[in-house]
Amino acid sequence: MQVYFFSCSPKNISTKYYYENEKVLDRIEESYKALYPLGPFNVGFTDRNFKTVSLEIITDTLSYIYEFGIEEPRLIDTLMAYDLNAAKINTLINQMHDIRCTWISYSDYYVDQKKHTLILMSIKPVALKSLFSYAKYYVLTYFPQPQYFDSEGRLLDKRKLRRLRKINGEVFKRINSKVCYAVTGHFR
């Protein structure tokens, strides 16, 4: 009996996954980017079956966190109560469900003491399930402008400094000039 072991580096899996799903991922990012300024929110799924939606609505003073079943009418009612575009956010949630996107949010980062924002998107792909590994997620970052990378494709803090930029303690690698990834054990 012969046993073969095949190995795929996270780079190959992540880059391949991104390009296979690029249109859907970019559509989710664009929808979220358009909806967020109308009323800040973050959204994701909190269960393995992608049936429970976690919705964080950010106001001037507080952040409100709600959980709903994906088909629950209270989800739409809550979005409407905060004057959010319920139809478009529901479409975004369904797109996230279809591609197994566990979370999407804005995050701030600073370069030369100047504030910038990026979009973090976490995905739980089926392809990463393995008998020998713990739960893993792809975390994609969408930057508004091209970033700097070293010769190994790792995200740099600045062009001249050559210091790696870590986001949530993770080193991200290049997919293209504006999109990076990390494979992590946590989804946010």
N, C-alpha and C. Protein backbone atom coordinates (compact mmCIF):
# COMPACT_ATOMS: atom_id res chain seq x y z
N MET A 1 0.84 -1.18 0.00
CA MET A 1 0.00 0.00 0.00
C MET A 1 0.88 1.24 0.00
N GLN A 2 0.63 2.13 -0.93
CA GLN A 2 1.39 3.37 -1.01
C GLN A 2 0.55 4.51 -0.46
N VAL A 3 1.20 5.39 0.29
CA VAL A 3 0.53 6.56 0.84
C VAL A 3 1.22 7.79 0.28
N TYR A 4 0.46 8.69 -0.26
CA TYR A 4 0.99 9.93 -0.80
C TYR A 4 0.48 11.10 0.04
N PHE A 5 1.37 12.00 0.33
CA PHE A 5 0.99 13.23 1.02
C PHE A 5 1.24 14.39 0.09
N PHE A 6 0.25 15.21 -0.07
CA PHE A 6 0.38 16.38 -0.92
C PHE A 6 0.33 17.61 -0.04
N SER A 7 1.12 18.57 -0.39
CA SER A 7 1.17 19.79 0.41
C SER A 7 0.86 20.98 -0.46
N CYS A 8 0.03 21.84 0.06
CA CYS A 8 -0.24 23.11 -0.58
C CYS A 8 0.10 24.19 0.42
N SER A 9 0.95 25.09 0.04
CA SER A 9 1.28 26.17 0.97
C SER A 9 0.08 27.09 1.10
N PRO A 10 -0.04 27.77 2.26
CA PRO A 10 -1.14 28.72 2.40
C PRO A 10 -1.14 29.77 1.30
N LYS A 11 0.05 30.14 0.81
CA LYS A 11 0.14 31.13 -0.28
C LYS A 11 -0.61 30.63 -1.50
N ASN A 12 -0.36 29.38 -1.89
CA ASN A 12 -1.01 28.84 -3.08
C ASN A 12 -2.52 28.73 -2.89
N ILE A 13 -2.94 28.25 -1.74
CA ILE A 13 -4.36 28.11 -1.47
C ILE A 13 -5.03 29.48 -1.45
N SER A 14 -4.44 30.42 -0.72
CA SER A 14 -5.06 31.74 -0.55
C SER A 14 -5.14 32.51 -1.85
N THR A 15 -4.06 32.54 -2.60
CA THR A 15 -4.05 33.25 -3.86
C THR A 15 -5.02 32.61 -4.85
N LYS A 16 -5.00 31.28 -4.91
CA LYS A 16 -5.90 30.57 -5.81
C LYS A 16 -7.35 30.84 -5.42
N TYR A 17 -7.65 30.76 -4.13
CA TYR A 17 -9.01 31.02 -3.66
C TYR A 17 -9.45 32.43 -4.03
N TYR A 18 -8.57 33.41 -3.82
CA TYR A 18 -8.93 34.79 -4.14
C TYR A 18 -9.26 34.93 -5.62
N TYR A 19 -8.38 34.44 -6.49
CA TYR A 19 -8.61 34.62 -7.92
C TYR A 19 -9.80 33.81 -8.44
N GLU A 20 -10.08 32.66 -7.84
CA GLU A 20 -11.27 31.89 -8.23
C GLU A 20 -12.56 32.60 -7.83
N ASN A 21 -12.50 33.38 -6.76
CA ASN A 21 -13.69 34.05 -6.22
C ASN A 21 -13.58 35.56 -6.27
N GLU A 22 -12.66 36.07 -7.07
CA GLU A 22 -12.35 37.50 -7.09
C GLU A 22 -13.58 38.38 -7.32
N LYS A 23 -14.41 38.03 -8.27
CA LYS A 23 -15.57 38.87 -8.59
C LYS A 23 -16.53 38.96 -7.41
N VAL A 24 -16.81 37.84 -6.77
CA VAL A 24 -17.73 37.84 -5.63
C VAL A 24 -17.11 38.58 -4.45
N LEU A 25 -15.84 38.30 -4.15
CA LEU A 25 -15.16 38.97 -3.04
C LEU A 25 -15.12 40.48 -3.26
N ASP A 26 -14.78 40.89 -4.47
CA ASP A 26 -14.72 42.32 -4.76
C ASP A 26 -16.11 42.97 -4.72
N ARG A 27 -17.13 42.23 -5.11
CA ARG A 27 -18.50 42.74 -5.05
C ARG A 27 -18.92 42.94 -3.58
N ILE A 28 -18.56 42.00 -2.72
CA ILE A 28 -18.85 42.14 -1.28
C ILE A 28 -18.12 43.36 -0.73
N GLU A 29 -16.86 43.50 -1.07
CA GLU A 29 -16.06 44.65 -0.59
C GLU A 29 -16.65 45.96 -1.09
N GLU A 30 -17.01 46.03 -2.36
CA GLU A 30 -17.57 47.27 -2.92
C GLU A 30 -18.93 47.60 -2.29
N SER A 31 -19.77 46.59 -2.08
CA SER A 31 -21.08 46.81 -1.44
C SER A 31 -20.89 47.35 -0.03
N TYR A 32 -20.01 46.72 0.72
CA TYR A 32 -19.76 47.15 2.10
C TYR A 32 -19.19 48.57 2.13
N LYS A 33 -18.26 48.84 1.22
CA LYS A 33 -17.65 50.18 1.16
C LYS A 33 -18.69 51.24 0.84
N ALA A 34 -19.67 50.94 0.01
CA ALA A 34 -20.72 51.90 -0.33
C ALA A 34 -21.75 52.05 0.80
N LEU A 35 -22.04 50.97 1.51
CA LEU A 35 -23.06 51.01 2.56
C LEU A 35 -22.56 51.60 3.87
N TYR A 36 -21.30 51.39 4.20
CA TYR A 36 -20.76 51.81 5.50
C TYR A 36 -20.91 53.30 5.77
N PRO A 37 -20.61 54.19 4.83
CA PRO A 37 -20.75 55.63 5.12
C PRO A 37 -22.20 56.06 5.39
N LEU A 38 -23.17 55.29 4.93
CA LEU A 38 -24.58 55.63 5.16
C LEU A 38 -25.03 55.33 6.58
N GLY A 39 -24.26 54.54 7.28
CA GLY A 39 -24.53 54.14 8.66
C GLY A 39 -23.54 53.05 9.02
N PRO A 40 -22.53 53.36 9.84
CA PRO A 40 -21.46 52.39 10.12
C PRO A 40 -21.98 51.10 10.76
N PHE A 41 -21.50 49.99 10.25
CA PHE A 41 -21.88 48.68 10.78
C PHE A 41 -20.82 47.66 10.39
N ASN A 42 -20.77 46.58 11.15
CA ASN A 42 -19.96 45.41 10.83
C ASN A 42 -20.91 44.22 10.87
N VAL A 43 -20.61 43.22 10.08
CA VAL A 43 -21.52 42.08 10.03
C VAL A 43 -20.74 40.79 9.81
N GLY A 44 -21.28 39.70 10.36
CA GLY A 44 -20.64 38.41 10.18
C GLY A 44 -21.54 37.29 10.66
N PHE A 45 -20.97 36.09 10.66
CA PHE A 45 -21.69 34.90 11.09
C PHE A 45 -20.99 34.32 12.31
N THR A 46 -21.76 33.82 13.25
CA THR A 46 -21.17 33.33 14.50
C THR A 46 -21.29 31.82 14.69
N ASP A 47 -21.82 31.12 13.71
CA ASP A 47 -21.95 29.67 13.84
C ASP A 47 -21.37 28.97 12.61
N ARG A 48 -21.07 27.71 12.77
CA ARG A 48 -20.45 26.92 11.69
C ARG A 48 -21.35 26.75 10.48
N ASN A 49 -22.65 26.76 10.70
CA ASN A 49 -23.60 26.54 9.61
C ASN A 49 -24.01 27.81 8.89
N PHE A 50 -23.45 28.93 9.32
CA PHE A 50 -23.76 30.23 8.70
C PHE A 50 -25.26 30.51 8.73
N LYS A 51 -25.87 30.29 9.88
CA LYS A 51 -27.30 30.55 10.06
C LYS A 51 -27.55 31.70 11.04
N THR A 52 -26.54 32.08 11.82
CA THR A 52 -26.69 33.14 12.82
C THR A 52 -25.85 34.35 12.42
N VAL A 53 -26.52 35.48 12.22
CA VAL A 53 -25.87 36.72 11.80
C VAL A 53 -25.58 37.57 13.03
N SER A 54 -24.35 38.07 13.12
CA SER A 54 -23.99 39.04 14.15
C SER A 54 -23.89 40.39 13.47
N LEU A 55 -24.61 41.36 14.00
CA LEU A 55 -24.66 42.70 13.41
C LEU A 55 -24.22 43.70 14.46
N GLU A 56 -23.18 44.46 14.16
CA GLU A 56 -22.72 45.53 15.04
C GLU A 56 -23.08 46.85 14.38
N ILE A 57 -23.92 47.62 15.03
CA ILE A 57 -24.32 48.93 14.52
C ILE A 57 -23.61 49.98 15.36
N ILE A 58 -22.87 50.84 14.69
CA ILE A 58 -22.01 51.81 15.37
C ILE A 58 -22.66 53.19 15.31
N THR A 59 -22.91 53.76 16.48
CA THR A 59 -23.48 55.11 16.55
C THR A 59 -22.41 56.06 17.10
N ASP A 60 -22.78 57.32 17.26
CA ASP A 60 -21.83 58.31 17.79
C ASP A 60 -21.36 57.96 19.19
N THR A 61 -22.21 57.35 19.97
CA THR A 61 -21.88 57.11 21.37
C THR A 61 -21.66 55.64 21.73
N LEU A 62 -22.36 54.74 21.06
CA LEU A 62 -22.30 53.32 21.41
C LEU A 62 -22.27 52.44 20.17
N SER A 63 -21.80 51.22 20.38
CA SER A 63 -21.95 50.17 19.37
C SER A 63 -22.96 49.17 19.91
N TYR A 64 -23.94 48.84 19.08
CA TYR A 64 -24.97 47.89 19.47
C TYR A 64 -24.71 46.59 18.72
N ILE A 65 -24.68 45.48 19.45
CA ILE A 65 -24.42 44.18 18.84
C ILE A 65 -25.67 43.32 18.97
N TYR A 66 -26.11 42.81 17.82
CA TYR A 66 -27.31 41.98 17.76
C TYR A 66 -26.97 40.65 17.10
N GLU A 67 -27.74 39.62 17.44
CA GLU A 67 -27.65 38.34 16.75
C GLU A 67 -29.04 37.94 16.27
N PHE A 68 -29.09 37.45 15.04
CA PHE A 68 -30.35 37.06 14.42
C PHE A 68 -30.14 35.78 13.62
N GLY A 69 -31.22 35.03 13.44
CA GLY A 69 -31.21 33.97 12.45
C GLY A 69 -31.21 34.63 11.08
N ILE A 70 -30.57 34.02 10.11
CA ILE A 70 -30.41 34.65 8.79
C ILE A 70 -31.75 34.99 8.13
N GLU A 71 -32.79 34.22 8.41
CA GLU A 71 -34.11 34.46 7.82
C GLU A 71 -35.06 35.18 8.78
N GLU A 72 -34.57 35.58 9.92
CA GLU A 72 -35.43 36.18 10.95
C GLU A 72 -35.89 37.58 10.56
N PRO A 73 -37.19 37.87 10.61
CA PRO A 73 -37.70 39.20 10.24
C PRO A 73 -37.14 40.34 11.10
N ARG A 74 -36.76 40.02 12.35
CA ARG A 74 -36.20 41.06 13.23
C ARG A 74 -34.93 41.68 12.66
N LEU A 75 -34.19 40.94 11.85
CA LEU A 75 -32.97 41.48 11.22
C LEU A 75 -33.32 42.69 10.36
N ILE A 76 -34.27 42.53 9.47
CA ILE A 76 -34.70 43.63 8.59
C ILE A 76 -35.29 44.76 9.41
N ASP A 77 -36.11 44.42 10.41
CA ASP A 77 -36.72 45.44 11.27
C ASP A 77 -35.66 46.27 11.98
N THR A 78 -34.61 45.62 12.47
CA THR A 78 -33.54 46.33 13.17
C THR A 78 -32.78 47.24 12.22
N LEU A 79 -32.46 46.76 11.04
CA LEU A 79 -31.77 47.60 10.05
C LEU A 79 -32.60 48.84 9.73
N MET A 80 -33.89 48.64 9.55
CA MET A 80 -34.78 49.77 9.23
C MET A 80 -34.89 50.73 10.42
N ALA A 81 -34.88 50.21 11.64
CA ALA A 81 -34.97 51.07 12.82
C ALA A 81 -33.78 52.02 12.93
N TYR A 82 -32.63 51.60 12.40
CA TYR A 82 -31.43 52.44 12.41
C TYR A 82 -31.25 53.20 11.09
N ASP A 83 -32.28 53.22 10.27
CA ASP A 83 -32.26 53.91 8.97
C ASP A 83 -31.15 53.41 8.06
N LEU A 84 -30.86 52.12 8.13
CA LEU A 84 -29.88 51.50 7.24
C LEU A 84 -30.62 50.91 6.04
N ASN A 85 -29.92 50.74 4.94
CA ASN A 85 -30.52 50.19 3.73
C ASN A 85 -30.69 48.67 3.91
N ALA A 86 -31.85 48.29 4.42
CA ALA A 86 -32.10 46.89 4.77
C ALA A 86 -31.97 45.95 3.57
N ALA A 87 -32.49 46.34 2.43
CA ALA A 87 -32.45 45.47 1.25
C ALA A 87 -31.01 45.21 0.81
N LYS A 88 -30.21 46.26 0.73
CA LYS A 88 -28.82 46.09 0.27
C LYS A 88 -27.96 45.37 1.30
N ILE A 89 -28.18 45.63 2.59
CA ILE A 89 -27.42 44.93 3.62
C ILE A 89 -27.83 43.46 3.65
N ASN A 90 -29.09 43.17 3.44
CA ASN A 90 -29.54 41.78 3.37
C ASN A 90 -28.91 41.06 2.17
N THR A 91 -28.80 41.76 1.04
CA THR A 91 -28.10 41.19 -0.12
C THR A 91 -26.64 40.92 0.21
N LEU A 92 -25.99 41.86 0.88
CA LEU A 92 -24.60 41.68 1.31
C LEU A 92 -24.48 40.45 2.21
N ILE A 93 -25.37 40.31 3.17
CA ILE A 93 -25.35 39.16 4.08
C ILE A 93 -25.51 37.86 3.29
N ASN A 94 -26.40 37.83 2.32
CA ASN A 94 -26.58 36.63 1.50
C ASN A 94 -25.35 36.32 0.66
N GLN A 95 -24.69 37.34 0.12
CA GLN A 95 -23.44 37.13 -0.62
C GLN A 95 -22.37 36.56 0.30
N MET A 96 -22.28 37.11 1.51
CA MET A 96 -21.31 36.61 2.48
C MET A 96 -21.61 35.16 2.84
N HIS A 97 -22.88 34.83 3.01
CA HIS A 97 -23.30 33.47 3.33
C HIS A 97 -22.87 32.51 2.22
N ASP A 98 -23.12 32.89 0.98
CA ASP A 98 -22.83 32.01 -0.16
C ASP A 98 -21.35 31.68 -0.29
N ILE A 99 -20.48 32.61 0.07
CA ILE A 99 -19.04 32.39 -0.10
C ILE A 99 -18.37 32.02 1.23
N ARG A 100 -19.17 31.91 2.31
CA ARG A 100 -18.68 31.55 3.64
C ARG A 100 -17.76 32.63 4.23
N CYS A 101 -18.15 33.87 4.02
CA CYS A 101 -17.44 35.01 4.59
C CYS A 101 -17.94 35.18 6.03
N THR A 102 -17.05 35.00 7.00
CA THR A 102 -17.47 35.01 8.39
C THR A 102 -17.58 36.41 8.98
N TRP A 103 -16.88 37.40 8.41
CA TRP A 103 -16.89 38.73 9.02
C TRP A 103 -16.39 39.76 8.02
N ILE A 104 -16.95 40.97 8.09
CA ILE A 104 -16.43 42.09 7.32
C ILE A 104 -16.51 43.33 8.20
N SER A 105 -15.44 44.11 8.19
CA SER A 105 -15.41 45.33 9.02
C SER A 105 -14.36 46.29 8.48
N TYR A 106 -14.51 47.54 8.90
CA TYR A 106 -13.48 48.55 8.64
C TYR A 106 -12.49 48.52 9.79
N SER A 107 -11.25 48.85 9.50
CA SER A 107 -10.23 48.96 10.54
C SER A 107 -9.35 50.16 10.22
N ASP A 108 -8.90 50.84 11.25
CA ASP A 108 -8.00 51.98 11.08
C ASP A 108 -6.55 51.53 11.18
N TYR A 109 -5.68 52.21 10.45
CA TYR A 109 -4.24 52.04 10.62
C TYR A 109 -3.60 53.39 10.37
N TYR A 110 -2.37 53.54 10.83
CA TYR A 110 -1.70 54.84 10.76
C TYR A 110 -0.36 54.71 10.05
N VAL A 111 -0.07 55.69 9.19
CA VAL A 111 1.22 55.82 8.53
C VAL A 111 1.66 57.26 8.74
N ASP A 112 2.84 57.45 9.33
CA ASP A 112 3.33 58.79 9.66
C ASP A 112 2.29 59.59 10.43
N GLN A 113 1.68 58.97 11.40
CA GLN A 113 0.67 59.57 12.27
C GLN A 113 -0.57 60.06 11.52
N LYS A 114 -0.77 59.56 10.31
CA LYS A 114 -1.95 59.91 9.53
C LYS A 114 -2.87 58.68 9.46
N LYS A 115 -4.14 58.91 9.81
CA LYS A 115 -5.10 57.82 9.86
C LYS A 115 -5.55 57.40 8.46
N HIS A 116 -5.58 56.08 8.25
CA HIS A 116 -6.10 55.47 7.02
C HIS A 116 -7.06 54.36 7.43
N THR A 117 -7.88 53.91 6.50
CA THR A 117 -8.78 52.79 6.79
C THR A 117 -8.59 51.69 5.76
N LEU A 118 -8.92 50.49 6.17
CA LEU A 118 -8.91 49.33 5.28
C LEU A 118 -10.11 48.48 5.62
N ILE A 119 -10.44 47.59 4.73
CA ILE A 119 -11.55 46.66 4.97
C ILE A 119 -10.95 45.29 5.23
N LEU A 120 -11.36 44.69 6.35
CA LEU A 120 -10.96 43.33 6.70
C LEU A 120 -12.12 42.39 6.38
N MET A 121 -11.81 41.32 5.68
CA MET A 121 -12.82 40.33 5.34
C MET A 121 -12.26 38.95 5.72
N SER A 122 -13.02 38.22 6.50
CA SER A 122 -12.60 36.90 6.95
C SER A 122 -13.46 35.84 6.28
N ILE A 123 -12.80 34.79 5.78
CA ILE A 123 -13.51 33.74 5.05
C ILE A 123 -13.14 32.39 5.63
N LYS A 124 -14.12 31.52 5.76
CA LYS A 124 -13.90 30.15 6.24
C LYS A 124 -14.10 29.21 5.06
N PRO A 125 -13.06 29.00 4.26
CA PRO A 125 -13.22 28.13 3.09
C PRO A 125 -13.22 26.65 3.47
N VAL A 126 -14.00 25.90 2.76
CA VAL A 126 -14.10 24.46 2.97
C VAL A 126 -12.77 23.79 2.66
N ALA A 127 -12.02 24.31 1.70
CA ALA A 127 -10.78 23.68 1.26
C ALA A 127 -9.72 23.60 2.35
N LEU A 128 -9.82 24.39 3.39
CA LEU A 128 -8.79 24.36 4.43
C LEU A 128 -9.07 23.33 5.52
N LYS A 129 -10.14 22.58 5.43
CA LYS A 129 -10.41 21.56 6.44
C LYS A 129 -9.40 20.44 6.31
N SER A 130 -8.79 20.08 7.41
CA SER A 130 -7.79 19.04 7.42
C SER A 130 -7.89 18.25 8.72
N LEU A 131 -7.55 16.99 8.66
CA LEU A 131 -7.55 16.17 9.87
C LEU A 131 -6.49 16.63 10.86
N PHE A 132 -5.42 17.26 10.36
CA PHE A 132 -4.28 17.58 11.19
C PHE A 132 -4.17 19.05 11.54
N SER A 133 -5.19 19.84 11.31
CA SER A 133 -5.08 21.27 11.58
C SER A 133 -6.29 21.79 12.35
N TYR A 134 -6.07 22.89 13.05
CA TYR A 134 -7.16 23.55 13.75
C TYR A 134 -7.90 24.44 12.75
N ALA A 135 -9.01 25.01 13.20
CA ALA A 135 -9.82 25.86 12.32
C ALA A 135 -8.99 27.03 11.80
N LYS A 136 -9.05 27.27 10.51
CA LYS A 136 -8.29 28.36 9.90
C LYS A 136 -9.22 29.22 9.06
N TYR A 137 -8.82 30.47 8.95
CA TYR A 137 -9.59 31.44 8.19
C TYR A 137 -8.64 32.20 7.27
N TYR A 138 -9.15 32.58 6.11
CA TYR A 138 -8.44 33.56 5.29
C TYR A 138 -8.89 34.92 5.78
N VAL A 139 -7.96 35.78 6.05
CA VAL A 139 -8.30 37.16 6.35
C VAL A 139 -7.73 37.99 5.20
N LEU A 140 -8.62 38.64 4.48
CA LEU A 140 -8.21 39.50 3.37
C LEU A 140 -8.28 40.95 3.83
N THR A 141 -7.31 41.74 3.39
CA THR A 141 -7.35 43.18 3.63
C THR A 141 -7.46 43.88 2.29
N TYR A 142 -8.36 44.82 2.22
CA TYR A 142 -8.54 45.66 1.03
C TYR A 142 -8.09 47.07 1.40
N PHE A 143 -6.97 47.49 0.83
CA PHE A 143 -6.47 48.84 1.05
C PHE A 143 -7.00 49.76 -0.04
N PRO A 144 -7.19 51.05 0.27
CA PRO A 144 -7.68 51.98 -0.76
C PRO A 144 -6.61 52.39 -1.77
N GLN A 145 -5.33 52.18 -1.44
CA GLN A 145 -4.26 52.54 -2.35
C GLN A 145 -3.20 51.43 -2.36
N PRO A 146 -2.35 51.38 -3.39
CA PRO A 146 -1.31 50.35 -3.45
C PRO A 146 -0.39 50.40 -2.23
N GLN A 147 0.07 49.21 -1.82
CA GLN A 147 0.93 49.07 -0.65
C GLN A 147 2.34 48.66 -1.07
N TYR A 148 3.26 48.69 -0.10
CA TYR A 148 4.64 48.28 -0.34
C TYR A 148 4.86 46.89 0.24
N PHE A 149 5.68 46.10 -0.46
CA PHE A 149 5.95 44.72 -0.07
C PHE A 149 7.44 44.45 -0.19
N ASP A 150 7.94 43.51 0.62
CA ASP A 150 9.34 43.11 0.48
C ASP A 150 9.45 42.06 -0.63
N SER A 151 10.66 41.54 -0.83
CA SER A 151 10.90 40.59 -1.93
C SER A 151 10.16 39.27 -1.73
N GLU A 152 9.73 38.99 -0.49
CA GLU A 152 8.98 37.77 -0.21
C GLU A 152 7.47 38.00 -0.26
N GLY A 153 7.06 39.22 -0.64
CA GLY A 153 5.64 39.54 -0.76
C GLY A 153 4.96 39.89 0.55
N ARG A 154 5.75 40.16 1.60
CA ARG A 154 5.16 40.53 2.90
C ARG A 154 4.89 42.03 2.94
N LEU A 155 3.78 42.38 3.55
CA LEU A 155 3.34 43.77 3.67
C LEU A 155 4.32 44.57 4.53
N LEU A 156 4.75 45.73 4.00
CA LEU A 156 5.68 46.59 4.72
C LEU A 156 4.96 47.79 5.31
N ASP A 157 5.55 48.31 6.40
CA ASP A 157 4.99 49.47 7.07
C ASP A 157 5.11 50.72 6.19
N LYS A 158 6.27 50.92 5.62
CA LYS A 158 6.53 52.04 4.71
C LYS A 158 7.53 51.57 3.66
N ARG A 159 7.63 52.32 2.59
CA ARG A 159 8.53 51.93 1.51
C ARG A 159 9.99 51.95 1.96
N LYS A 160 10.43 52.98 2.65
CA LYS A 160 11.84 53.12 3.00
C LYS A 160 12.22 52.37 4.27
N LEU A 161 11.29 52.16 5.17
CA LEU A 161 11.63 51.61 6.48
C LEU A 161 11.94 50.12 6.47
N ARG A 162 11.32 49.37 5.61
CA ARG A 162 11.51 47.92 5.50
C ARG A 162 11.09 47.16 6.75
N ARG A 163 10.19 47.74 7.52
CA ARG A 163 9.64 47.06 8.69
C ARG A 163 8.31 46.44 8.28
N LEU A 164 8.09 45.19 8.70
CA LEU A 164 6.83 44.52 8.37
C LEU A 164 5.67 45.16 9.10
N ARG A 165 4.57 45.35 8.40
CA ARG A 165 3.35 45.86 9.03
C ARG A 165 2.52 44.65 9.46
N LYS A 166 2.19 44.62 10.73
CA LYS A 166 1.32 43.55 11.25
C LYS A 166 -0.06 44.13 11.49
N ILE A 167 -1.06 43.34 11.16
CA ILE A 167 -2.45 43.72 11.40
C ILE A 167 -3.02 42.65 12.32
N ASN A 168 -3.49 43.08 13.48
CA ASN A 168 -3.97 42.15 14.51
C ASN A 168 -2.93 41.07 14.82
N GLY A 169 -1.66 41.47 14.81
CA GLY A 169 -0.57 40.56 15.15
C GLY A 169 -0.16 39.61 14.04
N GLU A 170 -0.72 39.75 12.87
CA GLU A 170 -0.43 38.84 11.74
C GLU A 170 0.35 39.55 10.65
N VAL A 171 1.27 38.82 10.03
CA VAL A 171 1.99 39.33 8.86
C VAL A 171 1.16 38.95 7.63
N PHE A 172 0.85 39.94 6.82
CA PHE A 172 0.04 39.72 5.63
C PHE A 172 0.92 39.64 4.39
N LYS A 173 0.46 38.86 3.43
CA LYS A 173 1.20 38.69 2.18
C LYS A 173 0.39 39.22 1.01
N ARG A 174 1.10 39.54 -0.03
CA ARG A 174 0.54 40.17 -1.22
C ARG A 174 -0.30 39.20 -2.06
N ILE A 175 -1.47 39.66 -2.46
CA ILE A 175 -2.24 39.02 -3.54
C ILE A 175 -2.12 39.92 -4.76
N ASN A 176 -2.40 41.20 -4.58
CA ASN A 176 -2.12 42.21 -5.60
C ASN A 176 -1.71 43.48 -4.87
N SER A 177 -1.57 44.58 -5.55
CA SER A 177 -1.02 45.78 -4.91
C SER A 177 -1.91 46.36 -3.81
N LYS A 178 -3.21 46.02 -3.82
CA LYS A 178 -4.14 46.56 -2.82
C LYS A 178 -4.77 45.51 -1.92
N VAL A 179 -4.60 44.24 -2.22
CA VAL A 179 -5.23 43.17 -1.45
C VAL A 179 -4.15 42.24 -0.90
N CYS A 180 -4.24 41.97 0.41
CA CYS A 180 -3.30 41.08 1.09
C CYS A 180 -4.08 40.00 1.82
N TYR A 181 -3.37 38.96 2.28
CA TYR A 181 -4.03 37.89 3.01
C TYR A 181 -3.15 37.38 4.14
N ALA A 182 -3.78 36.75 5.09
CA ALA A 182 -3.11 35.94 6.10
C ALA A 182 -4.01 34.75 6.37
N VAL A 183 -3.42 33.63 6.74
CA VAL A 183 -4.19 32.47 7.17
C VAL A 183 -4.02 32.41 8.68
N THR A 184 -5.13 32.54 9.41
CA THR A 184 -5.07 32.65 10.86
C THR A 184 -6.01 31.66 11.54
N GLY A 185 -5.87 31.56 12.83
CA GLY A 185 -6.73 30.70 13.62
C GLY A 185 -7.94 31.42 14.18
N HIS A 186 -8.06 32.71 13.90
CA HIS A 186 -9.20 33.49 14.40
C HIS A 186 -9.78 34.32 13.27
N PHE A 187 -11.07 34.64 13.37
CA PHE A 187 -11.72 35.29 12.24
C PHE A 187 -11.83 36.80 12.36
N ARG A 188 -11.43 37.40 13.49
CA ARG A 188 -11.48 38.85 13.60
C ARG A 188 -10.18 39.37 14.16
